[in-house]
Amino acid sequence: MKKKRTLGVMAATFVAAALPVVAASPASASSADCQVYLRNLGYNVGNQVRNSCDHAATWDISGMYRHGCYVSLVNLGVKEGDASTACYQLA
């Protein structure tokens, strides 16, 4: 009986410890990282850039949000390499 209780407590502890890891987003970067990066490169960070970075920071399994960010930033005049870094690595 004591063995079952110990195993139950251990299982509950393991689940509680693993939950934040499972629920966390795959990257620790954010929309703010994307915006600061672009601002530091001399780009004007207005609403459209903020929206693009926000979109990229929203995790999706297909990666289309990050691609949408990239296309949007390039259309706004951001160099391809800068947009790639901002959307795929920082957001």
N, C-alpha and C. Protein backbone atom coordinates (compact mmCIF):
# COMPACT_ATOMS: atom_id res chain seq x y z
N MET A 1 0.82 -1.18 0.00
CA MET A 1 0.00 0.00 0.00
C MET A 1 0.87 1.26 0.00
N LYS A 2 1.91 1.25 0.82
CA LYS A 2 2.80 2.40 0.90
C LYS A 2 3.56 2.60 -0.41
N LYS A 3 3.87 1.49 -1.08
CA LYS A 3 4.57 1.54 -2.36
C LYS A 3 3.70 2.22 -3.42
N LYS A 4 2.40 1.89 -3.45
CA LYS A 4 1.49 2.48 -4.42
C LYS A 4 1.36 3.99 -4.19
N ARG A 5 1.27 4.38 -2.94
CA ARG A 5 1.15 5.80 -2.62
C ARG A 5 2.41 6.55 -3.05
N THR A 6 3.56 5.96 -2.78
CA THR A 6 4.83 6.57 -3.16
C THR A 6 4.91 6.73 -4.68
N LEU A 7 4.53 5.70 -5.42
CA LEU A 7 4.53 5.78 -6.88
C LEU A 7 3.54 6.83 -7.37
N GLY A 8 2.38 6.93 -6.72
CA GLY A 8 1.40 7.94 -7.10
C GLY A 8 1.93 9.35 -6.88
N VAL A 9 2.58 9.57 -5.77
CA VAL A 9 3.15 10.88 -5.47
C VAL A 9 4.26 11.20 -6.46
N MET A 10 5.09 10.22 -6.77
CA MET A 10 6.17 10.43 -7.72
C MET A 10 5.62 10.75 -9.12
N ALA A 11 4.58 10.05 -9.52
CA ALA A 11 3.98 10.31 -10.83
C ALA A 11 3.38 11.71 -10.89
N ALA A 12 2.68 12.10 -9.84
CA ALA A 12 2.08 13.44 -9.80
C ALA A 12 3.16 14.52 -9.83
N THR A 13 4.25 14.28 -9.11
CA THR A 13 5.36 15.24 -9.10
C THR A 13 5.99 15.35 -10.48
N PHE A 14 6.17 14.22 -11.15
CA PHE A 14 6.75 14.23 -12.49
C PHE A 14 5.85 14.99 -13.46
N VAL A 15 4.56 14.75 -13.43
CA VAL A 15 3.62 15.44 -14.32
C VAL A 15 3.64 16.94 -14.04
N ALA A 16 3.64 17.31 -12.77
CA ALA A 16 3.66 18.73 -12.42
C ALA A 16 4.94 19.40 -12.89
N ALA A 17 6.05 18.68 -12.83
CA ALA A 17 7.33 19.26 -13.26
C ALA A 17 7.42 19.33 -14.78
N ALA A 18 6.82 18.38 -15.48
CA ALA A 18 6.93 18.32 -16.94
C ALA A 18 5.94 19.25 -17.63
N LEU A 19 4.85 19.62 -16.99
CA LEU A 19 3.82 20.42 -17.63
C LEU A 19 4.32 21.75 -18.18
N PRO A 20 5.10 22.53 -17.44
CA PRO A 20 5.59 23.80 -18.02
C PRO A 20 6.46 23.59 -19.25
N VAL A 21 7.21 22.51 -19.29
CA VAL A 21 8.06 22.24 -20.45
C VAL A 21 7.22 21.90 -21.67
N VAL A 22 6.19 21.11 -21.47
CA VAL A 22 5.31 20.71 -22.57
C VAL A 22 4.48 21.89 -23.05
N ALA A 23 4.02 22.73 -22.14
CA ALA A 23 3.14 23.84 -22.49
C ALA A 23 3.90 25.05 -23.03
N ALA A 24 5.20 25.09 -22.84
CA ALA A 24 5.98 26.25 -23.28
C ALA A 24 6.04 26.31 -24.80
N SER A 25 6.19 27.52 -25.30
CA SER A 25 6.34 27.68 -26.75
C SER A 25 7.71 27.17 -27.16
N PRO A 26 7.90 26.84 -28.43
CA PRO A 26 9.15 26.24 -28.86
C PRO A 26 10.33 27.20 -28.84
N ALA A 27 10.09 28.48 -28.82
CA ALA A 27 11.19 29.44 -28.81
C ALA A 27 10.96 30.43 -27.67
N SER A 28 12.05 30.93 -27.12
CA SER A 28 11.91 31.87 -26.03
C SER A 28 11.94 33.31 -26.52
N ALA A 29 12.09 33.51 -27.80
CA ALA A 29 12.12 34.86 -28.36
C ALA A 29 10.70 35.41 -28.46
N SER A 30 10.61 36.70 -28.76
CA SER A 30 9.30 37.33 -28.76
C SER A 30 9.20 38.37 -29.87
N SER A 31 8.01 38.93 -29.97
CA SER A 31 7.76 40.01 -30.91
C SER A 31 8.67 41.20 -30.61
N ALA A 32 8.89 41.46 -29.33
CA ALA A 32 9.74 42.59 -28.94
C ALA A 32 11.17 42.39 -29.44
N ASP A 33 11.68 41.16 -29.40
CA ASP A 33 13.03 40.88 -29.90
C ASP A 33 13.12 41.21 -31.39
N CYS A 34 12.10 40.83 -32.13
CA CYS A 34 12.02 41.11 -33.57
C CYS A 34 12.04 42.62 -33.81
N GLN A 35 11.23 43.35 -33.06
CA GLN A 35 11.13 44.80 -33.24
C GLN A 35 12.43 45.52 -32.87
N VAL A 36 13.02 45.13 -31.76
CA VAL A 36 14.26 45.77 -31.32
C VAL A 36 15.38 45.50 -32.33
N TYR A 37 15.43 44.28 -32.83
CA TYR A 37 16.44 43.93 -33.84
C TYR A 37 16.31 44.85 -35.05
N LEU A 38 15.10 45.00 -35.55
CA LEU A 38 14.89 45.85 -36.73
C LEU A 38 15.17 47.32 -36.42
N ARG A 39 14.78 47.77 -35.25
CA ARG A 39 15.03 49.16 -34.85
C ARG A 39 16.54 49.41 -34.76
N ASN A 40 17.28 48.44 -34.21
CA ASN A 40 18.74 48.59 -34.09
C ASN A 40 19.43 48.62 -35.45
N LEU A 41 18.80 48.03 -36.46
CA LEU A 41 19.35 48.08 -37.81
C LEU A 41 18.98 49.36 -38.55
N GLY A 42 18.18 50.19 -37.92
CA GLY A 42 17.82 51.48 -38.51
C GLY A 42 16.46 51.52 -39.19
N TYR A 43 15.71 50.44 -39.08
CA TYR A 43 14.38 50.43 -39.69
C TYR A 43 13.39 51.18 -38.81
N ASN A 44 12.41 51.78 -39.45
CA ASN A 44 11.34 52.46 -38.75
C ASN A 44 10.35 51.40 -38.28
N VAL A 45 10.14 51.29 -36.99
CA VAL A 45 9.24 50.26 -36.46
C VAL A 45 7.91 50.92 -36.12
N GLY A 46 6.98 50.77 -37.06
CA GLY A 46 5.63 51.30 -36.87
C GLY A 46 4.65 50.16 -36.67
N ASN A 47 3.38 50.48 -36.86
CA ASN A 47 2.33 49.48 -36.63
C ASN A 47 2.46 48.26 -37.53
N GLN A 48 2.82 48.45 -38.79
CA GLN A 48 2.89 47.32 -39.71
C GLN A 48 4.03 46.37 -39.33
N VAL A 49 5.15 46.92 -38.93
CA VAL A 49 6.27 46.08 -38.49
C VAL A 49 5.89 45.37 -37.19
N ARG A 50 5.26 46.08 -36.26
CA ARG A 50 4.83 45.47 -35.01
C ARG A 50 3.86 44.32 -35.28
N ASN A 51 2.91 44.54 -36.17
CA ASN A 51 1.95 43.49 -36.50
C ASN A 51 2.64 42.27 -37.12
N SER A 52 3.62 42.51 -37.99
CA SER A 52 4.35 41.40 -38.60
C SER A 52 5.11 40.61 -37.54
N CYS A 53 5.79 41.30 -36.64
CA CYS A 53 6.54 40.64 -35.57
C CYS A 53 5.59 39.89 -34.63
N ASP A 54 4.45 40.50 -34.31
CA ASP A 54 3.46 39.83 -33.46
C ASP A 54 2.99 38.54 -34.12
N HIS A 55 2.75 38.62 -35.41
CA HIS A 55 2.27 37.46 -36.16
C HIS A 55 3.30 36.33 -36.12
N ALA A 56 4.57 36.68 -36.29
CA ALA A 56 5.63 35.66 -36.28
C ALA A 56 5.79 35.04 -34.90
N ALA A 57 5.55 35.82 -33.86
CA ALA A 57 5.74 35.32 -32.50
C ALA A 57 4.61 34.39 -32.06
N THR A 58 3.52 34.37 -32.84
CA THR A 58 2.42 33.46 -32.54
C THR A 58 2.78 32.09 -33.10
N TRP A 59 2.95 31.13 -32.23
CA TRP A 59 3.43 29.82 -32.66
C TRP A 59 2.37 29.08 -33.46
N ASP A 60 2.78 28.51 -34.57
CA ASP A 60 1.93 27.58 -35.32
C ASP A 60 2.80 26.46 -35.84
N ILE A 61 2.24 25.29 -35.91
CA ILE A 61 3.02 24.10 -36.27
C ILE A 61 3.51 24.14 -37.71
N SER A 62 2.79 24.83 -38.60
CA SER A 62 3.15 24.83 -40.02
C SER A 62 4.27 25.83 -40.34
N GLY A 63 4.45 26.83 -39.50
CA GLY A 63 5.47 27.85 -39.78
C GLY A 63 5.00 28.94 -40.71
N MET A 64 3.73 28.92 -41.07
CA MET A 64 3.21 29.91 -42.01
C MET A 64 3.14 31.31 -41.41
N TYR A 65 2.98 31.43 -40.10
CA TYR A 65 2.96 32.76 -39.48
C TYR A 65 4.31 33.44 -39.65
N ARG A 66 5.36 32.69 -39.47
CA ARG A 66 6.70 33.26 -39.62
C ARG A 66 6.98 33.61 -41.08
N HIS A 67 6.50 32.77 -41.98
CA HIS A 67 6.66 33.08 -43.40
C HIS A 67 5.86 34.33 -43.77
N GLY A 68 4.67 34.47 -43.22
CA GLY A 68 3.86 35.66 -43.45
C GLY A 68 4.56 36.91 -42.93
N CYS A 69 5.20 36.81 -41.79
CA CYS A 69 5.98 37.92 -41.23
C CYS A 69 7.09 38.30 -42.20
N TYR A 70 7.81 37.31 -42.68
CA TYR A 70 8.92 37.53 -43.60
C TYR A 70 8.45 38.26 -44.86
N VAL A 71 7.40 37.75 -45.49
CA VAL A 71 6.87 38.35 -46.71
C VAL A 71 6.41 39.78 -46.44
N SER A 72 5.72 39.97 -45.34
CA SER A 72 5.22 41.30 -44.98
C SER A 72 6.37 42.29 -44.79
N LEU A 73 7.41 41.88 -44.08
CA LEU A 73 8.55 42.78 -43.84
C LEU A 73 9.29 43.10 -45.14
N VAL A 74 9.48 42.10 -45.99
CA VAL A 74 10.15 42.34 -47.28
C VAL A 74 9.32 43.32 -48.11
N ASN A 75 8.00 43.16 -48.09
CA ASN A 75 7.13 44.08 -48.83
C ASN A 75 7.18 45.50 -48.26
N LEU A 76 7.54 45.62 -46.99
CA LEU A 76 7.67 46.95 -46.37
C LEU A 76 9.04 47.57 -46.63
N GLY A 77 9.94 46.82 -47.28
CA GLY A 77 11.25 47.36 -47.62
C GLY A 77 12.40 46.87 -46.77
N VAL A 78 12.14 45.90 -45.90
CA VAL A 78 13.20 45.32 -45.08
C VAL A 78 14.00 44.35 -45.95
N LYS A 79 15.33 44.39 -45.84
CA LYS A 79 16.18 43.49 -46.61
C LYS A 79 15.84 42.04 -46.24
N GLU A 80 15.97 41.15 -47.23
CA GLU A 80 15.59 39.75 -47.04
C GLU A 80 16.29 39.09 -45.85
N GLY A 81 17.59 39.30 -45.72
CA GLY A 81 18.34 38.70 -44.62
C GLY A 81 17.89 39.22 -43.27
N ASP A 82 17.60 40.52 -43.21
CA ASP A 82 17.15 41.12 -41.95
C ASP A 82 15.76 40.60 -41.59
N ALA A 83 14.89 40.49 -42.59
CA ALA A 83 13.53 39.98 -42.35
C ALA A 83 13.58 38.52 -41.91
N SER A 84 14.46 37.76 -42.52
CA SER A 84 14.60 36.36 -42.16
C SER A 84 15.03 36.20 -40.71
N THR A 85 16.04 36.95 -40.32
CA THR A 85 16.49 36.87 -38.93
C THR A 85 15.41 37.31 -37.98
N ALA A 86 14.74 38.42 -38.30
CA ALA A 86 13.71 38.97 -37.41
C ALA A 86 12.55 37.99 -37.23
N CYS A 87 12.12 37.37 -38.31
CA CYS A 87 10.92 36.51 -38.25
C CYS A 87 11.21 35.07 -37.83
N TYR A 88 12.30 34.51 -38.31
CA TYR A 88 12.55 33.09 -38.07
C TYR A 88 13.39 32.82 -36.82
N GLN A 89 14.23 33.77 -36.43
CA GLN A 89 15.10 33.52 -35.29
C GLN A 89 14.70 34.30 -34.05
N LEU A 90 14.15 35.49 -34.24
CA LEU A 90 13.89 36.35 -33.08
C LEU A 90 12.45 36.38 -32.62
N ALA A 91 11.53 36.09 -33.52
CA ALA A 91 10.11 36.16 -33.11
C ALA A 91 9.58 34.77 -32.86
